[in-house]
PDB file of N, CA and C in Angstrom:
ATOM      1  N   MET A   1     -94.404-135.195 155.652  1.00  0.00           N
ATOM      2  CA  MET A   1     -93.593-134.991 154.849  1.00  0.00           C
ATOM      3  C   MET A   1     -94.095-134.203 153.890  1.00  0.00           C
ATOM      4  N   ASP A   2     -95.276-134.381 153.488  1.00  0.00           N
ATOM      5  CA  ASP A   2     -96.238-133.385 152.474  1.00  0.00           C
ATOM      6  C   ASP A   2     -95.542-131.972 152.784  1.00  0.00           C
ATOM      7  N   ASN A   3     -95.737-131.738 153.887  1.00  0.00           N
ATOM      8  CA  ASN A   3     -95.092-130.320 154.127  1.00  0.00           C
ATOM      9  C   ASN A   3     -94.135-129.529 153.593  1.00  0.00           C
ATOM     10  N   TRP A   4     -93.120-130.601 153.190  1.00  0.00           N
ATOM     11  CA  TRP A   4     -91.853-130.083 152.687  1.00  0.00           C
ATOM     12  C   TRP A   4     -91.995-130.506 150.872  1.00  0.00           C
ATOM     13  N   HIS A   5     -93.208-130.737 150.584  1.00  0.00           N
ATOM     14  CA  HIS A   5     -92.906-130.936 149.123  1.00  0.00           C
ATOM     15  C   HIS A   5     -92.678-129.423 148.260  1.00  0.00           C
ATOM     16  N   TYR A   6     -93.070-128.180 148.667  1.00  0.00           N
ATOM     17  CA  TYR A   6     -92.988-127.197 148.284  1.00  0.00           C
ATOM     18  C   TYR A   6     -91.194-126.634 148.175  1.00  0.00           C
ATOM     19  N   LEU A   7     -90.623-126.942 149.143  1.00  0.00           N
ATOM     20  CA  LEU A   7     -89.436-126.732 149.371  1.00  0.00           C
ATOM     21  C   LEU A   7     -88.329-127.526 148.782  1.00  0.00           C
ATOM     22  N   LEU A   8     -89.220-128.690 148.600  1.00  0.00           N
ATOM     23  CA  LEU A   8     -88.076-129.994 147.738  1.00  0.00           C
ATOM     24  C   LEU A   8     -88.273-129.965 146.498  1.00  0.00           C
ATOM     25  N   VAL A   9     -89.336-129.111 145.759  1.00  0.00           N
ATOM     26  CA  VAL A   9     -89.447-128.974 144.307  1.00  0.00           C
ATOM     27  C   VAL A   9     -88.330-128.008 144.385  1.00  0.00           C
ATOM     28  N   LEU A  10     -88.422-126.935 145.249  1.00  0.00           N
ATOM     29  CA  LEU A  10     -87.367-125.579 145.002  1.00  0.00           C
ATOM     30  C   LEU A  10     -86.358-126.186 145.030  1.00  0.00           C
ATOM     31  N   ALA A  11     -85.766-126.932 146.031  1.00  0.00           N
ATOM     32  CA  ALA A  11     -83.982-127.427 145.922  1.00  0.00           C
ATOM     33  C   ALA A  11     -83.934-128.484 144.510  1.00  0.00           C
ATOM     34  N   ALA A  12     -85.014-128.973 144.337  1.00  0.00           N
ATOM     35  CA  ALA A  12     -84.879-130.037 142.994  1.00  0.00           C
ATOM     36  C   ALA A  12     -84.649-129.115 141.885  1.00  0.00           C
ATOM     37  N   CYS A  13     -84.925-127.854 141.832  1.00  0.00           N
ATOM     38  CA  CYS A  13     -84.775-127.148 140.745  1.00  0.00           C
ATOM     39  C   CYS A  13     -83.465-126.472 140.742  1.00  0.00           C
ATOM     40  N   LEU A  14     -83.108-125.964 141.758  1.00  0.00           N
ATOM     41  CA  LEU A  14     -81.691-125.660 141.892  1.00  0.00           C
ATOM     42  C   LEU A  14     -80.628-126.752 141.990  1.00  0.00           C
ATOM     43  N   ALA A  15     -80.698-127.680 141.965  1.00  0.00           N
ATOM     44  CA  ALA A  15     -79.910-129.176 141.884  1.00  0.00           C
ATOM     45  C   ALA A  15     -79.825-129.274 140.951  1.00  0.00           C
ATOM     46  N   ILE A  16     -81.038-129.507 140.000  1.00  0.00           N
ATOM     47  CA  ILE A  16     -81.159-129.832 138.538  1.00  0.00           C
ATOM     48  C   ILE A  16     -80.226-128.395 137.484  1.00  0.00           C
ATOM     49  N   THR A  17     -80.646-127.621 138.003  1.00  0.00           N
ATOM     50  CA  THR A  17     -79.760-126.339 137.094  1.00  0.00           C
ATOM     51  C   THR A  17     -78.597-126.118 137.478  1.00  0.00           C
ATOM     52  N   ALA A  18     -78.262-126.187 138.887  1.00  0.00           N
ATOM     53  CA  ALA A  18     -76.408-125.871 139.259  1.00  0.00           C
ATOM     54  C   ALA A  18     -75.718-126.201 138.273  1.00  0.00           C
ATOM     55  N   PRO A  19     -75.355-127.529 137.497  1.00  0.00           N
ATOM     56  CA  PRO A  19     -74.406-127.802 136.689  1.00  0.00           C
ATOM     57  C   PRO A  19     -74.263-126.786 135.680  1.00  0.00           C
ATOM     58  N   LEU A  20     -75.491-126.082 135.531  1.00  0.00           N
ATOM     59  CA  LEU A  20     -75.301-125.198 134.241  1.00  0.00           C
ATOM     60  C   LEU A  20     -74.298-124.245 134.209  1.00  0.00           C
ATOM     61  N   GLU A  21     -74.170-123.975 135.884  1.00  0.00           N
ATOM     62  CA  GLU A  21     -73.243-122.810 135.832  1.00  0.00           C
ATOM     63  C   GLU A  21     -71.766-122.976 135.332  1.00  0.00           C
ATOM     64  N   ILE A  22     -71.524-124.191 134.766  1.00  0.00           N
ATOM     65  CA  ILE A  22     -69.850-124.291 134.265  1.00  0.00           C
ATOM     66  C   ILE A  22     -69.910-123.410 132.898  1.00  0.00           C
ATOM     67  N   PHE A  23     -71.252-123.325 132.146  1.00  0.00           N
ATOM     68  CA  PHE A  23     -71.475-122.672 131.106  1.00  0.00           C
ATOM     69  C   PHE A  23     -70.871-121.463 130.859  1.00  0.00           C
ATOM     70  N   GLY A  24     -70.417-120.736 129.973  1.00  0.00           N
ATOM     71  CA  GLY A  24     -70.106-119.293 130.105  1.00  0.00           C
ATOM     72  C   GLY A  24     -69.649-118.336 131.640  1.00  0.00           C
ATOM     73  N   ALA A  25     -69.644-117.465 131.519  1.00  0.00           N
ATOM     74  CA  ALA A  25     -69.212-116.473 132.524  1.00  0.00           C
ATOM     75  C   ALA A  25     -69.866-116.789 133.965  1.00  0.00           C
ATOM     76  N   GLY A  26     -71.228-117.658 133.988  1.00  0.00           N
ATOM     77  CA  GLY A  26     -72.033-118.321 135.220  1.00  0.00           C
ATOM     78  C   GLY A  26     -72.990-116.941 135.831  1.00  0.00           C
ATOM     79  N   VAL A  27     -73.662-117.203 136.495  1.00  0.00           N
ATOM     80  CA  VAL A  27     -74.821-116.559 137.170  1.00  0.00           C
ATOM     81  C   VAL A  27     -74.599-116.640 138.859  1.00  0.00           C
ATOM     82  N   TYR A  28     -74.002-117.416 139.339  1.00  0.00           N
ATOM     83  CA  TYR A  28     -73.505-117.345 140.671  1.00  0.00           C
ATOM     84  C   TYR A  28     -72.008-116.754 140.802  1.00  0.00           C
ATOM     85  N   ARG A  29     -71.292-116.893 139.802  1.00  0.00           N
ATOM     86  CA  ARG A  29     -70.054-115.815 139.667  1.00  0.00           C
ATOM     87  C   ARG A  29     -70.113-114.414 139.543  1.00  0.00           C
ATOM     88  N   GLN A  30     -71.477-114.226 139.083  1.00  0.00           N
ATOM     89  CA  GLN A  30     -71.732-112.506 138.980  1.00  0.00           C
ATOM     90  C   GLN A  30     -73.209-112.535 139.736  1.00  0.00           C
ATOM     91  N   ALA A  31     -72.675-112.461 141.057  1.00  0.00           N
ATOM     92  CA  ALA A  31     -74.092-112.084 141.928  1.00  0.00           C
ATOM     93  C   ALA A  31     -74.559-111.137 141.960  1.00  0.00           C
ATOM     94  N   ARG A  32     -73.986-110.261 141.573  1.00  0.00           N
ATOM     95  CA  ARG A  32     -74.475-108.843 141.696  1.00  0.00           C
ATOM     96  C   ARG A  32     -75.484-108.300 140.285  1.00  0.00           C
ATOM     97  N   ARG A  33     -74.843-108.930 139.076  1.00  0.00           N
ATOM     98  CA  ARG A  33     -75.721-108.529 138.324  1.00  0.00           C
ATOM     99  C   ARG A  33     -77.103-110.010 138.407  1.00  0.00           C
ATOM    100  N   ALA A  34     -76.898-110.806 139.019  1.00  0.00           N
ATOM    101  CA  ALA A  34     -78.051-111.711 138.953  1.00  0.00           C
ATOM    102  C   ALA A  34     -78.983-111.179 140.144  1.00  0.00           C
ATOM    103  N   ALA A  35     -78.550-110.687 140.862  1.00  0.00           N
ATOM    104  CA  ALA A  35     -79.472-109.689 141.890  1.00  0.00           C
ATOM    105  C   ALA A  35     -80.082-108.516 141.213  1.00  0.00           C
ATOM    106  N   ALA A  36     -79.501-107.923 140.580  1.00  0.00           N
ATOM    107  CA  ALA A  36     -79.867-107.177 139.884  1.00  0.00           C
ATOM    108  C   ALA A  36     -81.287-107.424 139.056  1.00  0.00           C
ATOM    109  N   ALA A  37     -80.882-108.587 138.205  1.00  0.00           N
ATOM    110  CA  ALA A  37     -81.823-109.144 137.308  1.00  0.00           C
ATOM    111  C   ALA A  37     -83.062-109.846 138.242  1.00  0.00           C
ATOM    112  N   VAL A  38     -83.025-110.132 139.438  1.00  0.00           N
ATOM    113  CA  VAL A  38     -84.138-110.996 139.753  1.00  0.00           C
ATOM    114  C   VAL A  38     -84.881-109.981 140.962  1.00  0.00           C
ATOM    115  N   LEU A  39     -84.066-109.756 141.874  1.00  0.00           N
ATOM    116  CA  LEU A  39     -84.426-109.180 142.817  1.00  0.00           C
ATOM    117  C   LEU A  39     -85.900-107.723 143.017  1.00  0.00           C
ATOM    118  N   PRO A  40     -85.632-106.770 141.600  1.00  0.00           N
ATOM    119  CA  PRO A  40     -86.634-105.927 141.459  1.00  0.00           C
ATOM    120  C   PRO A  40     -87.842-106.603 140.967  1.00  0.00           C
ATOM    121  N   VAL A  41     -87.960-107.621 139.847  1.00  0.00           N
ATOM    122  CA  VAL A  41     -88.882-108.496 139.466  1.00  0.00           C
ATOM    123  C   VAL A  41     -89.503-109.327 140.748  1.00  0.00           C
ATOM    124  N   ALA A  42     -88.726-109.816 141.843  1.00  0.00           N
ATOM    125  CA  ALA A  42     -89.205-110.521 142.262  1.00  0.00           C
ATOM    126  C   ALA A  42     -90.267-109.409 143.424  1.00  0.00           C
ATOM    127  N   ALA A  43     -89.543-108.527 143.667  1.00  0.00           N
ATOM    128  CA  ALA A  43     -90.240-107.636 144.643  1.00  0.00           C
ATOM    129  C   ALA A  43     -91.613-107.320 144.252  1.00  0.00           C
ATOM    130  N   VAL A  44     -91.574-106.933 142.772  1.00  0.00           N
ATOM    131  CA  VAL A  44     -92.943-106.770 142.370  1.00  0.00           C
ATOM    132  C   VAL A  44     -93.976-107.701 142.475  1.00  0.00           C
ATOM    133  N   PHE A  45     -93.460-108.852 142.138  1.00  0.00           N
ATOM    134  CA  PHE A  45     -94.391-110.123 142.165  1.00  0.00           C
ATOM    135  C   PHE A  45     -94.734-110.765 143.724  1.00  0.00           C
ATOM    136  N   VAL A  46     -93.479-110.419 144.857  1.00  0.00           N
ATOM    137  CA  VAL A  46     -94.426-110.630 145.969  1.00  0.00           C
ATOM    138  C   VAL A  46     -95.214-109.430 146.805  1.00  0.00           C
ATOM    139  N   PHE A  47     -95.056-108.305 145.901  1.00  0.00           N
ATOM    140  CA  PHE A  47     -96.046-107.231 146.389  1.00  0.00           C
ATOM    141  C   PHE A  47     -97.453-107.835 146.077  1.00  0.00           C
ATOM    142  N   TRP A  48     -97.298-108.179 144.871  1.00  0.00           N
ATOM    143  CA  TRP A  48     -98.543-108.745 144.377  1.00  0.00           C
ATOM    144  C   TRP A  48     -99.188-109.690 144.876  1.00  0.00           C
ATOM    145  N   ASP A  49     -98.306-110.794 145.332  1.00  0.00           N
ATOM    146  CA  ASP A  49     -98.690-111.832 146.110  1.00  0.00           C
ATOM    147  C   ASP A  49     -99.405-111.331 147.496  1.00  0.00           C
ATOM    148  N   VAL A  50     -98.394-110.615 148.392  1.00  0.00           N
ATOM    149  CA  VAL A  50     -99.658-110.141 149.550  1.00  0.00           C
ATOM    150  C   VAL A  50    -100.661-109.553 149.346  1.00  0.00           C
ATOM    151  N   ILE A  51    -100.993-108.524 148.402  1.00  0.00           N
ATOM    152  CA  ILE A  51    -102.435-107.921 147.871  1.00  0.00           C
ATOM    153  C   ILE A  51    -103.189-109.019 147.600  1.00  0.00           C
ATOM    154  N   ALA A  52    -102.810-109.973 147.060  1.00  0.00           N
ATOM    155  CA  ALA A  52    -103.995-111.020 146.722  1.00  0.00           C
ATOM    156  C   ALA A  52    -103.883-111.867 147.942  1.00  0.00           C
ATOM    157  N   ILE A  53    -103.180-112.258 148.829  1.00  0.00           N
ATOM    158  CA  ILE A  53    -103.248-113.348 149.834  1.00  0.00           C
ATOM    159  C   ILE A  53    -104.099-112.458 150.945  1.00  0.00           C
ATOM    160  N   PHE A  54    -103.907-110.873 151.206  1.00  0.00           N
ATOM    161  CA  PHE A  54    -104.809-110.448 152.113  1.00  0.00           C
ATOM    162  C   PHE A  54    -106.273-109.920 151.388  1.00  0.00           C
ATOM    163  N   ALA A  55    -106.727-109.969 150.413  1.00  0.00           N
ATOM    164  CA  ALA A  55    -107.630-109.633 149.567  1.00  0.00           C
ATOM    165  C   ALA A  55    -108.141-111.630 149.360  1.00  0.00           C
ATOM    166  N   ASP A  56    -107.754-111.871 150.092  1.00  0.00           N
ATOM    167  CA  ASP A  56    -108.370-113.751 150.065  1.00  0.00           C
ATOM    168  C   ASP A  56    -108.660-114.139 148.669  1.00  0.00           C
ATOM    169  N   VAL A  57    -108.001-113.589 147.567  1.00  0.00           N
ATOM    170  CA  VAL A  57    -108.105-114.242 146.064  1.00  0.00           C
ATOM    171  C   VAL A  57    -107.242-115.325 146.183  1.00  0.00           C
ATOM    172  N   TRP A  58    -105.840-115.384 146.885  1.00  0.00           N
ATOM    173  CA  TRP A  58    -104.739-116.320 146.905  1.00  0.00           C
ATOM    174  C   TRP A  58    -104.650-117.164 148.139  1.00  0.00           C
ATOM    175  N   THR A  59    -104.561-118.116 148.306  1.00  0.00           N
ATOM    176  CA  THR A  59    -104.224-118.848 149.600  1.00  0.00           C
ATOM    177  C   THR A  59    -102.937-120.217 149.464  1.00  0.00           C
ATOM    178  N   TYR A  60    -102.849-120.454 150.437  1.00  0.00           N
ATOM    179  CA  TYR A  60    -101.746-121.710 150.361  1.00  0.00           C
ATOM    180  C   TYR A  60    -102.363-123.087 151.239  1.00  0.00           C
ATOM    181  N   ASN A  61    -102.325-124.072 150.892  1.00  0.00           N
ATOM    182  CA  ASN A  61    -102.824-125.244 151.590  1.00  0.00           C
ATOM    183  C   ASN A  61    -101.373-125.666 152.533  1.00  0.00           C
ATOM    184  N   PRO A  62    -102.118-125.744 153.818  1.00  0.00           N
ATOM    185  CA  PRO A  62    -100.922-125.963 154.853  1.00  0.00           C
ATOM    186  C   PRO A  62    -100.759-127.035 155.109  1.00  0.00           C
ATOM    187  N   GLN A  63    -101.137-128.063 153.934  1.00  0.00           N
ATOM    188  CA  GLN A  63    -100.494-129.331 153.861  1.00  0.00           C
ATOM    189  C   GLN A  63     -99.115-129.632 152.995  1.00  0.00           C
ATOM    190  N   TYR A  64     -98.980-128.579 152.544  1.00  0.00           N
ATOM    191  CA  TYR A  64     -97.587-128.280 151.553  1.00  0.00           C
ATOM    192  C   TYR A  64     -96.764-127.701 151.978  1.00  0.00           C
ATOM    193  N   VAL A  65     -96.831-126.789 152.783  1.00  0.00           N
ATOM    194  CA  VAL A  65     -95.891-125.913 153.357  1.00  0.00           C
ATOM    195  C   VAL A  65     -95.422-126.160 154.687  1.00  0.00           C
ATOM    196  N   THR A  66     -94.202-125.508 155.010  1.00  0.00           N
ATOM    197  CA  THR A  66     -93.885-126.140 156.314  1.00  0.00           C
ATOM    198  C   THR A  66     -94.619-125.562 157.455  1.00  0.00           C
ATOM    199  N   GLY A  67     -94.991-124.426 157.384  1.00  0.00           N
ATOM    200  CA  GLY A  67     -95.776-123.215 158.312  1.00  0.00           C
ATOM    201  C   GLY A  67     -94.824-122.376 158.725  1.00  0.00           C
ATOM    202  N   ILE A  68     -93.286-122.401 158.188  1.00  0.00           N
ATOM    203  CA  ILE A  68     -92.662-121.281 158.243  1.00  0.00           C
ATOM    204  C   ILE A  68     -92.855-119.755 157.413  1.00  0.00           C
ATOM    205  N   ASP A  69     -93.426-118.818 158.318  1.00  0.00           N
ATOM    206  CA  ASP A  69     -93.964-118.138 157.242  1.00  0.00           C
ATOM    207  C   ASP A  69     -93.167-116.676 157.572  1.00  0.00           C
ATOM    208  N   VAL A  70     -93.097-115.954 156.505  1.00  0.00           N
ATOM    209  CA  VAL A  70     -92.615-114.337 156.338  1.00  0.00           C
ATOM    210  C   VAL A  70     -93.725-113.322 157.442  1.00  0.00           C
ATOM    211  N   PRO A  71     -93.246-113.041 158.459  1.00  0.00           N
ATOM    212  CA  PRO A  71     -94.354-112.917 159.616  1.00  0.00           C
ATOM    213  C   PRO A  71     -95.467-112.203 159.055  1.00  0.00           C
ATOM    214  N   GLY A  72     -96.620-112.967 159.345  1.00  0.00           N
ATOM    215  CA  GLY A  72     -97.946-112.538 158.888  1.00  0.00           C
ATOM    216  C   GLY A  72     -98.117-112.578 157.590  1.00  0.00           C
ATOM    217  N   VAL A  73     -97.398-112.569 156.699  1.00  0.00           N
ATOM    218  CA  VAL A  73     -97.555-112.302 155.055  1.00  0.00           C
ATOM    219  C   VAL A  73     -97.941-113.885 154.242  1.00  0.00           C
ATOM    220  N   MET A  74     -96.748-114.531 154.157  1.00  0.00           N
ATOM    221  CA  MET A  74     -96.815-115.433 153.228  1.00  0.00           C
ATOM    222  C   MET A  74     -95.883-117.009 153.729  1.00  0.00           C
ATOM    223  N   PRO A  75     -96.193-117.996 153.225  1.00  0.00           N
ATOM    224  CA  PRO A  75     -94.936-119.216 153.741  1.00  0.00           C
ATOM    225  C   PRO A  75     -93.663-118.675 153.082  1.00  0.00           C
ATOM    226  N   ILE A  76     -92.912-118.981 153.540  1.00  0.00           N
ATOM    227  CA  ILE A  76     -91.436-118.588 153.112  1.00  0.00           C
ATOM    228  C   ILE A  76     -91.144-119.146 151.938  1.00  0.00           C
ATOM    229  N   GLU A  77     -91.661-120.420 151.388  1.00  0.00           N
ATOM    230  CA  GLU A  77     -91.235-121.180 150.351  1.00  0.00           C
ATOM    231  C   GLU A  77     -92.094-120.193 148.928  1.00  0.00           C
ATOM    232  N   GLU A  78     -92.911-119.263 149.230  1.00  0.00           N
ATOM    233  CA  GLU A  78     -93.611-118.748 148.316  1.00  0.00           C
ATOM    234  C   GLU A  78     -92.552-117.428 147.501  1.00  0.00           C
ATOM    235  N   LEU A  79     -91.944-117.096 149.115  1.00  0.00           N
ATOM    236  CA  LEU A  79     -90.719-115.837 148.796  1.00  0.00           C
ATOM    237  C   LEU A  79     -89.671-116.381 148.368  1.00  0.00           C
ATOM    238  N   LEU A  80     -89.194-117.954 148.377  1.00  0.00           N
ATOM    239  CA  LEU A  80     -88.471-118.274 147.783  1.00  0.00           C
ATOM    240  C   LEU A  80     -88.686-118.650 146.478  1.00  0.00           C
ATOM    241  N   PHE A  81     -89.568-119.079 146.192  1.00  0.00           N
ATOM    242  CA  PHE A  81     -89.920-119.322 144.945  1.00  0.00           C
ATOM    243  C   PHE A  81     -89.730-118.162 143.804  1.00  0.00           C
ATOM    244  N   PHE A  82     -90.217-116.977 144.093  1.00  0.00           N
ATOM    245  CA  PHE A  82     -89.461-115.787 143.759  1.00  0.00           C
ATOM    246  C   PHE A  82     -87.954-115.547 143.334  1.00  0.00           C
ATOM    247  N   LEU A  83     -87.330-116.131 143.893  1.00  0.00           N
ATOM    248  CA  LEU A  83     -85.959-116.197 143.655  1.00  0.00           C
ATOM    249  C   LEU A  83     -85.470-117.255 143.015  1.00  0.00           C
ATOM    250  N   VAL A  84     -85.943-118.288 143.526  1.00  0.00           N
ATOM    251  CA  VAL A  84     -85.435-119.628 143.029  1.00  0.00           C
ATOM    252  C   VAL A  84     -85.377-119.739 141.750  1.00  0.00           C
ATOM    253  N   ILE A  85     -86.871-119.687 141.106  1.00  0.00           N
ATOM    254  CA  ILE A  85     -87.032-120.003 139.817  1.00  0.00           C
ATOM    255  C   ILE A  85     -86.545-118.718 138.773  1.00  0.00           C
ATOM    256  N   PRO A  86     -86.587-117.472 139.204  1.00  0.00           N
ATOM    257  CA  PRO A  86     -85.770-116.879 138.006  1.00  0.00           C
ATOM    258  C   PRO A  86     -84.256-117.003 137.939  1.00  0.00           C
ATOM    259  N   ILE A  87     -83.440-117.437 138.827  1.00  0.00           N
ATOM    260  CA  ILE A  87     -81.942-118.013 139.010  1.00  0.00           C
ATOM    261  C   ILE A  87     -81.859-118.994 138.238  1.00  0.00           C
ATOM    262  N   CYS A  88     -82.819-120.339 138.517  1.00  0.00           N
ATOM    263  CA  CYS A  88     -82.989-121.138 137.257  1.00  0.00           C
ATOM    264  C   CYS A  88     -82.845-120.936 135.967  1.00  0.00           C
ATOM    265  N   GLY A  89     -83.957-119.722 135.802  1.00  0.00           N
ATOM    266  CA  GLY A  89     -84.029-119.221 134.314  1.00  0.00           C
ATOM    267  C   GLY A  89     -82.682-118.608 133.594  1.00  0.00           C
ATOM    268  N   LEU A  90     -82.432-117.926 134.843  1.00  0.00           N
ATOM    269  CA  LEU A  90     -81.092-116.991 134.335  1.00  0.00           C
ATOM    270  C   LEU A  90     -79.856-118.563 133.937  1.00  0.00           C
ATOM    271  N   LEU A  91     -79.620-119.416 134.833  1.00  0.00           N
ATOM    272  CA  LEU A  91     -78.654-120.324 134.644  1.00  0.00           C
ATOM    273  C   LEU A  91     -79.099-121.311 133.301  1.00  0.00           C
ATOM    274  N   THR A  92     -80.518-121.250 132.895  1.00  0.00           N
ATOM    275  CA  THR A  92     -80.722-122.066 131.823  1.00  0.00           C
ATOM    276  C   THR A  92     -80.602-121.046 130.637  1.00  0.00           C
ATOM    277  N   TYR A  93     -80.903-119.757 130.687  1.00  0.00           N
ATOM    278  CA  TYR A  93     -80.856-118.986 129.499  1.00  0.00           C
ATOM    279  C   TYR A  93     -79.166-118.684 129.363  1.00  0.00           C
ATOM    280  N   ASN A  94     -78.010-118.611 130.210  1.00  0.00           N
ATOM    281  CA  ASN A  94     -76.781-118.590 130.170  1.00  0.00           C
ATOM    282  C   ASN A  94     -76.079-119.779 129.507  1.00  0.00           C
ATOM    283  N   ALA A  95     -76.669-120.862 129.940  1.00  0.00           N
ATOM    284  CA  ALA A  95     -75.610-121.956 129.538  1.00  0.00           C
ATOM    285  C   ALA A  95     -76.386-122.222 127.988  1.00  0.00           C
ATOM    286  N   VAL A  96     -77.457-121.886 127.628  1.00  0.00           N
ATOM    287  CA  VAL A  96     -78.188-122.169 126.407  1.00  0.00           C
ATOM    288  C   VAL A  96     -77.610-121.433 125.268  1.00  0.00           C
ATOM    289  N   SER A  97     -77.141-119.907 126.067  1.00  0.00           N
ATOM    290  CA  SER A  97     -76.821-118.474 125.265  1.00  0.00           C
ATOM    291  C   SER A  97     -75.109-119.260 124.866  1.00  0.00           C
ATOM    292  N   THR A  98     -74.780-119.924 125.633  1.00  0.00           N
ATOM    293  CA  THR A  98     -73.281-120.258 125.509  1.00  0.00           C
ATOM    294  C   THR A  98     -72.950-121.416 124.669  1.00  0.00           C
ATOM    295  N   ILE A  99     -73.707-122.226 124.961  1.00  0.00           N
ATOM    296  CA  ILE A  99     -73.354-123.664 123.740  1.00  0.00           C
ATOM    297  C   ILE A  99     -74.061-123.034 122.434  1.00  0.00           C
ATOM    298  N   LEU A 100     -75.042-122.080 122.290  1.00  0.00           N
ATOM    299  CA  LEU A 100     -75.390-122.009 121.104  1.00  0.00           C
ATOM    300  C   LEU A 100     -74.231-120.933 120.172  1.00  0.00           C
ATOM    301  N   THR A 101     -73.740-120.271 120.525  1.00  0.00           N
ATOM    302  CA  THR A 101     -72.366-119.142 120.674  1.00  0.00           C
ATOM    303  C   THR A 101     -71.115-120.277 120.552  1.00  0.00           C
ATOM    304  N   TRP A 102     -71.098-121.383 120.794  1.00  0.00           N
ATOM    305  CA  TRP A 102     -70.283-121.993 120.886  1.00  0.00           C
ATOM    306  C   TRP A 102     -70.258-122.959 119.589  1.00  0.00           C
ATOM    307  N   TRP A 103     -71.572-123.395 119.390  1.00  0.00           N
ATOM    308  CA  TRP A 103     -71.861-124.153 117.953  1.00  0.00           C
ATOM    309  C   TRP A 103     -71.940-123.574 116.904  1.00  0.00           C
ATOM    310  N   GLN A 104     -72.466-122.252 117.141  1.00  0.00           N
ATOM    311  CA  GLN A 104     -72.187-121.319 115.762  1.00  0.00           C
ATOM    312  C   GLN A 104     -70.466-120.915 115.196  1.00  0.00           C
ATOM    313  N   ARG A 105     -69.719-120.804 116.062  1.00  0.00           N
ATOM    314  CA  ARG A 105     -68.235-120.857 116.085  1.00  0.00           C
ATOM    315  C   ARG A 105     -67.730-121.765 115.331  1.00  0.00           C
ATOM    316  N   ILE A 106     -68.113-123.315 115.640  1.00  0.00           N
ATOM    317  CA  ILE A 106     -67.700-124.457 115.099  1.00  0.00           C
ATOM    318  C   ILE A 106     -68.128-124.576 113.761  1.00  0.00           C
ATOM    319  N   ARG A 107     -69.383-124.134 113.344  1.00  0.00           N
ATOM    320  CA  ARG A 107     -70.116-124.331 112.104  1.00  0.00           C
ATOM    321  C   ARG A 107     -69.511-123.705 111.209  1.00  0.00           C
ATOM    322  N   SER A 108     -69.519-122.228 112.098  1.00  0.00           N
ATOM    323  CA  SER A 108     -68.450-121.044 111.251  1.00  0.00           C
ATOM    324  C   SER A 108     -67.316-121.481 110.493  1.00  0.00           C
ATOM    325  N   ARG A 109     -66.329-122.250 111.601  1.00  0.00           N
ATOM    326  CA  ARG A 109     -65.044-122.834 111.272  1.00  0.00           C
ATOM    327  C   ARG A 109     -65.188-124.019 109.817  1.00  0.00           C
ATOM    328  N   THR A 110     -66.258-124.525 110.284  1.00  0.00           N
ATOM    329  CA  THR A 110     -66.507-125.753 109.209  1.00  0.00           C
ATOM    330  C   THR A 110     -66.656-125.551 107.717  1.00  0.00           C
ATOM    331  N   GLU A 111     -67.610-124.352 107.853  1.00  0.00           N
ATOM    332  CA  GLU A 111     -67.826-123.902 106.434  1.00  0.00           C
ATOM    333  C   GLU A 111     -66.641-122.951 105.853  1.00  0.00           C
ATOM    334  N   THR A 112     -65.836-122.651 106.744  1.00  0.00           N
ATOM    335  CA  THR A 112     -64.927-121.726 105.939  1.00  0.00           C
ATOM    336  C   THR A 112     -63.756-122.587 105.454  1.00  0.00           C
ATOM    337  N   ALA A 113     -63.662-123.874 106.225  1.00  0.00           N
ATOM    338  CA  ALA A 113     -62.819-124.658 106.077  1.00  0.00           C
ATOM    339  C   ALA A 113     -62.788-125.526 104.756  1.00  0.00           C
ATOM    340  N   LYS A 114     -64.402-125.405 104.224  1.00  0.00           N
ATOM    341  CA  LYS A 114     -64.468-126.334 102.931  1.00  0.00           C
ATOM    342  C   LYS A 114     -64.275-125.445 101.718  1.00  0.00           C
TER     343      LYS A 114
END
């Protein structure tokens, strides 16, 4: 079961942040914008990771990964990390931004009514 830990943590991150999609315009509902935000940065970090792996600077404990690899490069969990975590960040940012905007509108209406 240990070899599923990394994937389970990524799944938990998605599950915990998924309800945030209801706030604002949404991240999943704007997949093209989300991809434009996530993919270029993910590509840079994947490249960086590959260099570190081949230079023996970075490694993965086989006990905590499934053994499914991007052929000869890195565990699939690591590739997914560079996609899942930024998406969770976008969901959180979008929700907080929407809630703060909503809260500011309520406060301005309350102050105007006084």
